């Protein structure tokens, strides 16, 4: 379950993701990143959000892009054996 503190970190993560994508000429929707991370956490895959926020760009984007690509938005589960690098216990 996401906490108030988690939401603050998730918003910062979404801001960073949006900025990094923009630097590479791509788009990332802030609201989608926020909703995806909340969904992943609330459906059984808690994340080390503080570590994710402060990670190098490669590991950070691996998780953001992977979650976006492998999240089943009907079930809230990650598919295709994708495991975020900043997962705690999935």
PDB file of N, CA and C in Angstrom:
ATOM      1  N   UNK A   1       0.843  -1.183   0.000  1.00  0.00           N
ATOM      2  CA  UNK A   1       0.000   0.000   0.000  1.00  0.00           C
ATOM      3  C   UNK A   1       0.886   1.243   0.000  1.00  0.00           C
ATOM      4  N   UNK A   2       0.584   2.166  -0.872  1.00  0.00           N
ATOM      5  CA  UNK A   2       1.374   3.390  -0.936  1.00  0.00           C
ATOM      6  C   UNK A   2       1.022   4.318   0.219  1.00  0.00           C
ATOM      7  N   UNK A   3       2.053   4.922   0.762  1.00  0.00           N
ATOM      8  CA  UNK A   3       1.878   5.865   1.861  1.00  0.00           C
ATOM      9  C   UNK A   3       1.969   7.295   1.323  1.00  0.00           C
ATOM     10  N   UNK A   4       1.687   8.232   2.177  1.00  0.00           N
ATOM     11  CA  UNK A   4       1.796   9.644   1.803  1.00  0.00           C
ATOM     12  C   UNK A   4       3.245   9.968   1.401  1.00  0.00           C
ATOM     13  N   UNK A   5       4.192   9.408   2.152  1.00  0.00           N
ATOM     14  CA  UNK A   5       5.608   9.600   1.833  1.00  0.00           C
ATOM     15  C   UNK A   5       5.939   8.990   0.471  1.00  0.00           C
ATOM     16  N   UNK A   6       5.392   7.802   0.192  1.00  0.00           N
ATOM     17  CA  UNK A   6       5.594   7.163  -1.114  1.00  0.00           C
ATOM     18  C   UNK A   6       5.105   8.061  -2.245  1.00  0.00           C
ATOM     19  N   UNK A   7       3.944   8.665  -2.054  1.00  0.00           N
ATOM     20  CA  UNK A   7       3.367   9.530  -3.088  1.00  0.00           C
ATOM     21  C   UNK A   7       4.292  10.704  -3.380  1.00  0.00           C
ATOM     22  N   UNK A   8       4.887  11.286  -2.345  1.00  0.00           N
ATOM     23  CA  UNK A   8       5.822  12.392  -2.553  1.00  0.00           C
ATOM     24  C   UNK A   8       7.017  11.930  -3.388  1.00  0.00           C
ATOM     25  N   UNK A   9       7.574  10.753  -3.063  1.00  0.00           N
ATOM     26  CA  UNK A   9       8.701  10.219  -3.821  1.00  0.00           C
ATOM     27  C   UNK A   9       8.288   9.878  -5.255  1.00  0.00           C
ATOM     28  N   UNK A  10       7.107   9.317  -5.413  1.00  0.00           N
ATOM     29  CA  UNK A  10       6.611   8.951  -6.742  1.00  0.00           C
ATOM     30  C   UNK A  10       6.468  10.194  -7.616  1.00  0.00           C
ATOM     31  N   UNK A  11       5.985  11.278  -7.066  1.00  0.00           N
ATOM     32  CA  UNK A  11       5.861  12.522  -7.837  1.00  0.00           C
ATOM     33  C   UNK A  11       7.230  13.020  -8.295  1.00  0.00           C
ATOM     34  N   UNK A  12       8.217  12.934  -7.415  1.00  0.00           N
ATOM     35  CA  UNK A  12       9.575  13.347  -7.778  1.00  0.00           C
ATOM     36  C   UNK A  12      10.153  12.418  -8.852  1.00  0.00           C
ATOM     37  N   UNK A  13       9.875  11.124  -8.726  1.00  0.00           N
ATOM     38  CA  UNK A  13      10.333  10.162  -9.730  1.00  0.00           C
ATOM     39  C   UNK A  13       9.704  10.488 -11.078  1.00  0.00           C
ATOM     40  N   UNK A  14       8.425  10.795 -11.088  1.00  0.00           N
ATOM     41  CA  UNK A  14       7.733  11.124 -12.335  1.00  0.00           C
ATOM     42  C   UNK A  14       8.305  12.398 -12.956  1.00  0.00           C
ATOM     43  N   UNK A  15       8.644  13.375 -12.130  1.00  0.00           N
ATOM     44  CA  UNK A  15       9.257  14.604 -12.640  1.00  0.00           C
ATOM     45  C   UNK A  15      10.606  14.292 -13.285  1.00  0.00           C
ATOM     46  N   UNK A  16      11.397  13.459 -12.616  1.00  0.00           N
ATOM     47  CA  UNK A  16      12.703  13.097 -13.168  1.00  0.00           C
ATOM     48  C   UNK A  16      12.543  12.307 -14.468  1.00  0.00           C
ATOM     49  N   UNK A  17      11.611  11.372 -14.482  1.00  0.00           N
ATOM     50  CA  UNK A  17      11.386  10.568 -15.686  1.00  0.00           C
ATOM     51  C   UNK A  17      10.984  11.450 -16.854  1.00  0.00           C
ATOM     52  N   UNK A  18      10.085  12.373 -16.616  1.00  0.00           N
ATOM     53  CA  UNK A  18       9.630  13.285 -17.666  1.00  0.00           C
ATOM     54  C   UNK A  18      10.800  14.099 -18.200  1.00  0.00           C
ATOM     55  N   UNK A  19      11.642  14.607 -17.313  1.00  0.00           N
ATOM     56  CA  UNK A  19      12.787  15.415 -17.729  1.00  0.00           C
ATOM     57  C   UNK A  19      13.804  14.581 -18.518  1.00  0.00           C
ATOM     58  N   UNK A  20      14.091  13.367 -18.065  1.00  0.00           N
ATOM     59  CA  UNK A  20      15.052  12.517 -18.775  1.00  0.00           C
ATOM     60  C   UNK A  20      14.540  12.117 -20.154  1.00  0.00           C
ATOM     61  N   UNK A  21      13.281  11.781 -20.235  1.00  0.00           N
ATOM     62  CA  UNK A  21      12.710  11.437 -21.541  1.00  0.00           C
ATOM     63  C   UNK A  21      12.795  12.640 -22.481  1.00  0.00           C
ATOM     64  N   UNK A  22      12.484  13.820 -21.966  1.00  0.00           N
ATOM     65  CA  UNK A  22      12.509  15.039 -22.776  1.00  0.00           C
ATOM     66  C   UNK A  22      13.919  15.315 -23.301  1.00  0.00           C
ATOM     67  N   UNK A  23      14.932  15.061 -22.467  1.00  0.00           N
ATOM     68  CA  UNK A  23      16.321  15.254 -22.880  1.00  0.00           C
ATOM     69  C   UNK A  23      16.680  14.376 -24.077  1.00  0.00           C
ATOM     70  N   UNK A  24      16.006  13.241 -24.182  1.00  0.00           N
ATOM     71  CA  UNK A  24      16.277  12.303 -25.268  1.00  0.00           C
ATOM     72  C   UNK A  24      15.262  12.419 -26.410  1.00  0.00           C
ATOM     73  N   UNK A  25      14.503  13.511 -26.419  1.00  0.00           N
ATOM     74  CA  UNK A  25      13.558  13.755 -27.498  1.00  0.00           C
ATOM     75  C   UNK A  25      12.341  12.856 -27.468  1.00  0.00           C
ATOM     76  N   UNK A  26      12.029  12.304 -26.312  1.00  0.00           N
ATOM     77  CA  UNK A  26      10.862  11.427 -26.171  1.00  0.00           C
ATOM     78  C   UNK A  26       9.903  12.048 -25.164  1.00  0.00           C
ATOM     79  N   UNK A  27       8.716  11.509 -25.122  1.00  0.00           N
ATOM     80  CA  UNK A  27       7.718  12.019 -24.180  1.00  0.00           C
ATOM     81  C   UNK A  27       7.385  10.977 -23.137  1.00  0.00           C
ATOM     82  N   UNK A  28       7.177  11.434 -21.930  1.00  0.00           N
ATOM     83  CA  UNK A  28       6.679  10.592 -20.847  1.00  0.00           C
ATOM     84  C   UNK A  28       5.581  11.390 -20.152  1.00  0.00           C
ATOM     85  N   UNK A  29       4.469  10.762 -19.926  1.00  0.00           N
ATOM     86  CA  UNK A  29       3.352  11.435 -19.281  1.00  0.00           C
ATOM     87  C   UNK A  29       3.495  11.318 -17.761  1.00  0.00           C
ATOM     88  N   UNK A  30       3.601  12.457 -17.105  1.00  0.00           N
ATOM     89  CA  UNK A  30       3.783  12.504 -15.652  1.00  0.00           C
ATOM     90  C   UNK A  30       2.720  11.677 -14.932  1.00  0.00           C
ATOM     91  N   UNK A  31       1.472  11.880 -15.287  1.00  0.00           N
ATOM     92  CA  UNK A  31       0.368  11.177 -14.615  1.00  0.00           C
ATOM     93  C   UNK A  31       0.460   9.668 -14.824  1.00  0.00           C
ATOM     94  N   UNK A  32       0.867   9.236 -16.003  1.00  0.00           N
ATOM     95  CA  UNK A  32       0.985   7.799 -16.273  1.00  0.00           C
ATOM     96  C   UNK A  32       2.081   7.185 -15.414  1.00  0.00           C
ATOM     97  N   UNK A  33       3.211   7.866 -15.298  1.00  0.00           N
ATOM     98  CA  UNK A  33       4.298   7.349 -14.457  1.00  0.00           C
ATOM     99  C   UNK A  33       3.818   7.223 -13.016  1.00  0.00           C
ATOM    100  N   UNK A  34       3.142   8.240 -12.522  1.00  0.00           N
ATOM    101  CA  UNK A  34       2.617   8.204 -11.150  1.00  0.00           C
ATOM    102  C   UNK A  34       1.656   7.031 -10.975  1.00  0.00           C
ATOM    103  N   UNK A  35       0.699   6.913 -11.867  1.00  0.00           N
ATOM    104  CA  UNK A  35      -0.298   5.840 -11.744  1.00  0.00           C
ATOM    105  C   UNK A  35       0.339   4.457 -11.872  1.00  0.00           C
ATOM    106  N   UNK A  36       1.303   4.309 -12.794  1.00  0.00           N
ATOM    107  CA  UNK A  36       1.973   3.017 -12.965  1.00  0.00           C
ATOM    108  C   UNK A  36       2.701   2.602 -11.694  1.00  0.00           C
ATOM    109  N   UNK A  37       3.443   3.523 -11.096  1.00  0.00           N
ATOM    110  CA  UNK A  37       4.196   3.181  -9.884  1.00  0.00           C
ATOM    111  C   UNK A  37       3.271   2.838  -8.726  1.00  0.00           C
ATOM    112  N   UNK A  38       2.204   3.602  -8.555  1.00  0.00           N
ATOM    113  CA  UNK A  38       1.234   3.300  -7.497  1.00  0.00           C
ATOM    114  C   UNK A  38       0.612   1.928  -7.733  1.00  0.00           C
ATOM    115  N   UNK A  39       0.267   1.635  -8.965  1.00  0.00           N
ATOM    116  CA  UNK A  39      -0.344   0.346  -9.298  1.00  0.00           C
ATOM    117  C   UNK A  39       0.605  -0.800  -8.989  1.00  0.00           C
ATOM    118  N   UNK A  40       1.854  -0.680  -9.389  1.00  0.00           N
ATOM    119  CA  UNK A  40       2.843  -1.738  -9.144  1.00  0.00           C
ATOM    120  C   UNK A  40       2.974  -1.992  -7.637  1.00  0.00           C
ATOM    121  N   UNK A  41       3.109  -0.921  -6.873  1.00  0.00           N
ATOM    122  CA  UNK A  41       3.261  -1.061  -5.424  1.00  0.00           C
ATOM    123  C   UNK A  41       2.014  -1.673  -4.800  1.00  0.00           C
ATOM    124  N   UNK A  42       0.854  -1.169  -5.165  1.00  0.00           N
ATOM    125  CA  UNK A  42      -0.396  -1.625  -4.548  1.00  0.00           C
ATOM    126  C   UNK A  42      -0.827  -3.017  -4.989  1.00  0.00           C
ATOM    127  N   UNK A  43      -0.198  -3.546  -6.042  1.00  0.00           N
ATOM    128  CA  UNK A  43      -0.559  -4.886  -6.513  1.00  0.00           C
ATOM    129  C   UNK A  43       0.553  -5.899  -6.286  1.00  0.00           C
ATOM    130  N   UNK A  44       1.351  -5.663  -5.249  1.00  0.00           N
ATOM    131  CA  UNK A  44       2.244  -6.717  -4.788  1.00  0.00           C
ATOM    132  C   UNK A  44       3.707  -6.616  -5.129  1.00  0.00           C
ATOM    133  N   UNK A  45       4.163  -5.484  -5.651  1.00  0.00           N
ATOM    134  CA  UNK A  45       5.591  -5.340  -5.942  1.00  0.00           C
ATOM    135  C   UNK A  45       6.099  -4.027  -5.346  1.00  0.00           C
ATOM    136  N   UNK A  46       6.376  -4.024  -4.044  1.00  0.00           N
ATOM    137  CA  UNK A  46       6.890  -2.800  -3.431  1.00  0.00           C
ATOM    138  C   UNK A  46       8.248  -2.426  -4.015  1.00  0.00           C
ATOM    139  N   UNK A  47       8.512  -1.141  -4.055  1.00  0.00           N
ATOM    140  CA  UNK A  47       9.732  -0.622  -4.666  1.00  0.00           C
ATOM    141  C   UNK A  47      10.542   0.191  -3.660  1.00  0.00           C
ATOM    142  N   UNK A  48      11.854   0.180  -3.850  1.00  0.00           N
ATOM    143  CA  UNK A  48      12.746   1.053  -3.090  1.00  0.00           C
ATOM    144  C   UNK A  48      12.723   2.411  -3.793  1.00  0.00           C
ATOM    145  N   UNK A  49      11.735   3.214  -3.464  1.00  0.00           N
ATOM    146  CA  UNK A  49      11.493   4.466  -4.184  1.00  0.00           C
ATOM    147  C   UNK A  49      12.625   5.471  -4.014  1.00  0.00           C
ATOM    148  N   UNK A  50      13.175   5.587  -2.812  1.00  0.00           N
ATOM    149  CA  UNK A  50      14.254   6.543  -2.587  1.00  0.00           C
ATOM    150  C   UNK A  50      15.484   6.152  -3.404  1.00  0.00           C
ATOM    151  N   UNK A  51      15.797   4.863  -3.428  1.00  0.00           N
ATOM    152  CA  UNK A  51      16.928   4.393  -4.233  1.00  0.00           C
ATOM    153  C   UNK A  51      16.671   4.628  -5.718  1.00  0.00           C
ATOM    154  N   UNK A  52      15.447   4.394  -6.155  1.00  0.00           N
ATOM    155  CA  UNK A  52      15.100   4.618  -7.556  1.00  0.00           C
ATOM    156  C   UNK A  52      15.282   6.087  -7.920  1.00  0.00           C
ATOM    157  N   UNK A  53      14.780   6.969  -7.083  1.00  0.00           N
ATOM    158  CA  UNK A  53      14.862   8.403  -7.350  1.00  0.00           C
ATOM    159  C   UNK A  53      16.302   8.866  -7.529  1.00  0.00           C
ATOM    160  N   UNK A  54      17.221   8.293  -6.757  1.00  0.00           N
ATOM    161  CA  UNK A  54      18.608   8.751  -6.769  1.00  0.00           C
ATOM    162  C   UNK A  54      19.536   7.864  -7.608  1.00  0.00           C
ATOM    163  N   UNK A  55      18.976   6.947  -8.345  1.00  0.00           N
ATOM    164  CA  UNK A  55      19.773   6.025  -9.159  1.00  0.00           C
ATOM    165  C   UNK A  55      20.350   6.713 -10.388  1.00  0.00           C
ATOM    166  N   UNK A  56      21.372   6.072 -10.958  1.00  0.00           N
ATOM    167  CA  UNK A  56      21.899   6.578 -12.222  1.00  0.00           C
ATOM    168  C   UNK A  56      20.807   6.453 -13.289  1.00  0.00           C
ATOM    169  N   UNK A  57      20.942   7.225 -14.343  1.00  0.00           N
ATOM    170  CA  UNK A  57      19.902   7.306 -15.372  1.00  0.00           C
ATOM    171  C   UNK A  57      19.585   5.962 -16.005  1.00  0.00           C
ATOM    172  N   UNK A  58      20.589   5.137 -16.236  1.00  0.00           N
ATOM    173  CA  UNK A  58      20.370   3.851 -16.896  1.00  0.00           C
ATOM    174  C   UNK A  58      19.467   2.932 -16.074  1.00  0.00           C
ATOM    175  N   UNK A  59      19.783   2.752 -14.804  1.00  0.00           N
ATOM    176  CA  UNK A  59      18.966   1.894 -13.946  1.00  0.00           C
ATOM    177  C   UNK A  59      17.591   2.499 -13.696  1.00  0.00           C
ATOM    178  N   UNK A  60      17.555   3.809 -13.541  1.00  0.00           N
ATOM    179  CA  UNK A  60      16.292   4.512 -13.335  1.00  0.00           C
ATOM    180  C   UNK A  60      15.355   4.297 -14.517  1.00  0.00           C
ATOM    181  N   UNK A  61      15.874   4.556 -15.719  1.00  0.00           N
ATOM    182  CA  UNK A  61      15.033   4.423 -16.912  1.00  0.00           C
ATOM    183  C   UNK A  61      14.681   2.970 -17.216  1.00  0.00           C
ATOM    184  N   UNK A  62      15.546   2.036 -16.841  1.00  0.00           N
ATOM    185  CA  UNK A  62      15.222   0.614 -17.002  1.00  0.00           C
ATOM    186  C   UNK A  62      13.914   0.304 -16.295  1.00  0.00           C
ATOM    187  N   UNK A  63      13.788   0.763 -15.059  1.00  0.00           N
ATOM    188  CA  UNK A  63      12.582   0.465 -14.292  1.00  0.00           C
ATOM    189  C   UNK A  63      11.374   1.238 -14.796  1.00  0.00           C
ATOM    190  N   UNK A  64      11.536   2.518 -15.086  1.00  0.00           N
ATOM    191  CA  UNK A  64      10.406   3.328 -15.560  1.00  0.00           C
ATOM    192  C   UNK A  64       9.872   2.770 -16.875  1.00  0.00           C
ATOM    193  N   UNK A  65      10.763   2.544 -17.840  1.00  0.00           N
ATOM    194  CA  UNK A  65      10.338   2.034 -19.145  1.00  0.00           C
ATOM    195  C   UNK A  65       9.818   0.607 -19.039  1.00  0.00           C
ATOM    196  N   UNK A  66      10.469  -0.208 -18.225  1.00  0.00           N
ATOM    197  CA  UNK A  66      10.042  -1.594 -18.071  1.00  0.00           C
ATOM    198  C   UNK A  66       8.669  -1.715 -17.430  1.00  0.00           C
ATOM    199  N   UNK A  67       8.434  -0.915 -16.414  1.00  0.00           N
ATOM    200  CA  UNK A  67       7.121  -0.925 -15.766  1.00  0.00           C
ATOM    201  C   UNK A  67       6.060  -0.474 -16.762  1.00  0.00           C
ATOM    202  N   UNK A  68       6.352   0.591 -17.491  1.00  0.00           N
ATOM    203  CA  UNK A  68       5.389   1.079 -18.477  1.00  0.00           C
ATOM    204  C   UNK A  68       5.077   0.016 -19.521  1.00  0.00           C
ATOM    205  N   UNK A  69       6.095  -0.692 -19.944  1.00  0.00           N
ATOM    206  CA  UNK A  69       5.920  -1.681 -21.012  1.00  0.00           C
ATOM    207  C   UNK A  69       5.278  -2.996 -20.529  1.00  0.00           C
ATOM    208  N   UNK A  70       5.598  -3.419 -19.321  1.00  0.00           N
ATOM    209  CA  UNK A  70       5.193  -4.749 -18.863  1.00  0.00           C
ATOM    210  C   UNK A  70       4.041  -4.760 -17.858  1.00  0.00           C
ATOM    211  N   UNK A  71       3.530  -3.602 -17.496  1.00  0.00           N
ATOM    212  CA  UNK A  71       2.420  -3.543 -16.547  1.00  0.00           C
ATOM    213  C   UNK A  71       1.109  -3.872 -17.240  1.00  0.00           C
ATOM    214  N   UNK A  72       0.427  -4.874 -16.726  1.00  0.00           N
ATOM    215  CA  UNK A  72      -0.923  -5.182 -17.192  1.00  0.00           C
ATOM    216  C   UNK A  72      -1.855  -4.275 -16.394  1.00  0.00           C
ATOM    217  N   UNK A  73      -2.430  -3.303 -17.057  1.00  0.00           N
ATOM    218  CA  UNK A  73      -3.246  -2.319 -16.355  1.00  0.00           C
ATOM    219  C   UNK A  73      -4.621  -2.852 -15.948  1.00  0.00           C
ATOM    220  N   UNK A  74      -4.974  -4.036 -16.405  1.00  0.00           N
ATOM    221  CA  UNK A  74      -6.223  -4.663 -15.955  1.00  0.00           C
ATOM    222  C   UNK A  74      -6.024  -5.402 -14.635  1.00  0.00           C
ATOM    223  N   UNK A  75      -4.866  -6.051 -14.492  1.00  0.00           N
ATOM    224  CA  UNK A  75      -4.607  -6.837 -13.284  1.00  0.00           C
ATOM    225  C   UNK A  75      -3.704  -6.128 -12.288  1.00  0.00           C
ATOM    226  N   UNK A  76      -2.943  -5.142 -12.769  1.00  0.00           N
ATOM    227  CA  UNK A  76      -1.989  -4.456 -11.901  1.00  0.00           C
ATOM    228  C   UNK A  76      -0.688  -5.219 -11.722  1.00  0.00           C
ATOM    229  N   UNK A  77      -0.515  -6.301 -12.428  1.00  0.00           N
ATOM    230  CA  UNK A  77       0.670  -7.154 -12.294  1.00  0.00           C
ATOM    231  C   UNK A  77       1.670  -6.881 -13.417  1.00  0.00           C
ATOM    232  N   UNK A  78       2.936  -7.094 -13.093  1.00  0.00           N
ATOM    233  CA  UNK A  78       3.991  -7.026 -14.095  1.00  0.00           C
ATOM    234  C   UNK A  78       4.057  -8.368 -14.809  1.00  0.00           C
ATOM    235  N   UNK A  79       4.152  -8.335 -16.126  1.00  0.00           N
ATOM    236  CA  UNK A  79       4.153  -9.561 -16.923  1.00  0.00           C
ATOM    237  C   UNK A  79       5.492  -9.751 -17.622  1.00  0.00           C
ATOM    238  N   UNK A  80       5.593 -10.848 -18.355  1.00  0.00           N
ATOM    239  CA  UNK A  80       6.771 -11.178 -19.155  1.00  0.00           C
ATOM    240  C   UNK A  80       8.028 -11.320 -18.298  1.00  0.00           C
ATOM    241  N   UNK A  81       7.859 -11.743 -17.061  1.00  0.00           N
ATOM    242  CA  UNK A  81       8.977 -11.969 -16.125  1.00  0.00           C
ATOM    243  C   UNK A  81       9.783 -10.705 -15.842  1.00  0.00           C
ATOM    244  N   UNK A  82       9.203  -9.535 -16.071  1.00  0.00           N
ATOM    245  CA  UNK A  82       9.911  -8.304 -15.780  1.00  0.00           C
ATOM    246  C   UNK A  82       9.966  -8.084 -14.276  1.00  0.00           C
ATOM    247  N   UNK A  83      11.161  -7.797 -13.785  1.00  0.00           N
ATOM    248  CA  UNK A  83      11.357  -7.473 -12.373  1.00  0.00           C
ATOM    249  C   UNK A  83      12.128  -6.160 -12.294  1.00  0.00           C
ATOM    250  N   UNK A  84      11.543  -5.128 -11.716  1.00  0.00           N
ATOM    251  CA  UNK A  84      12.258  -3.861 -11.583  1.00  0.00           C
ATOM    252  C   UNK A  84      13.531  -4.041 -10.746  1.00  0.00           C
ATOM    253  N   UNK A  85      14.552  -3.322 -11.111  1.00  0.00           N
ATOM    254  CA  UNK A  85      15.810  -3.388 -10.353  1.00  0.00           C
ATOM    255  C   UNK A  85      15.645  -2.876  -8.936  1.00  0.00           C
ATOM    256  N   UNK A  86      14.646  -2.021  -8.724  1.00  0.00           N
ATOM    257  CA  UNK A  86      14.423  -1.465  -7.396  1.00  0.00           C
ATOM    258  C   UNK A  86      13.247  -2.112  -6.671  1.00  0.00           C
ATOM    259  N   UNK A  87      12.921  -3.334  -7.082  1.00  0.00           N
ATOM    260  CA  UNK A  87      11.858  -4.098  -6.415  1.00  0.00           C
ATOM    261  C   UNK A  87      12.347  -4.548  -5.043  1.00  0.00           C
ATOM    262  N   UNK A  88      11.442  -4.545  -4.076  1.00  0.00           N
ATOM    263  CA  UNK A  88      11.773  -5.079  -2.744  1.00  0.00           C
ATOM    264  C   UNK A  88      11.444  -6.563  -2.712  1.00  0.00           C
ATOM    265  N   UNK A  89      10.164  -6.885  -2.812  1.00  0.00           N
ATOM    266  CA  UNK A  89       9.709  -8.270  -2.774  1.00  0.00           C
ATOM    267  C   UNK A  89       8.534  -8.422  -3.710  1.00  0.00           C
ATOM    268  N   UNK A  90       8.736  -9.035  -4.849  1.00  0.00           N
ATOM    269  CA  UNK A  90       7.626  -9.247  -5.778  1.00  0.00           C
ATOM    270  C   UNK A  90       7.196 -10.696  -5.709  1.00  0.00           C
TER     271      UNK A  90
END
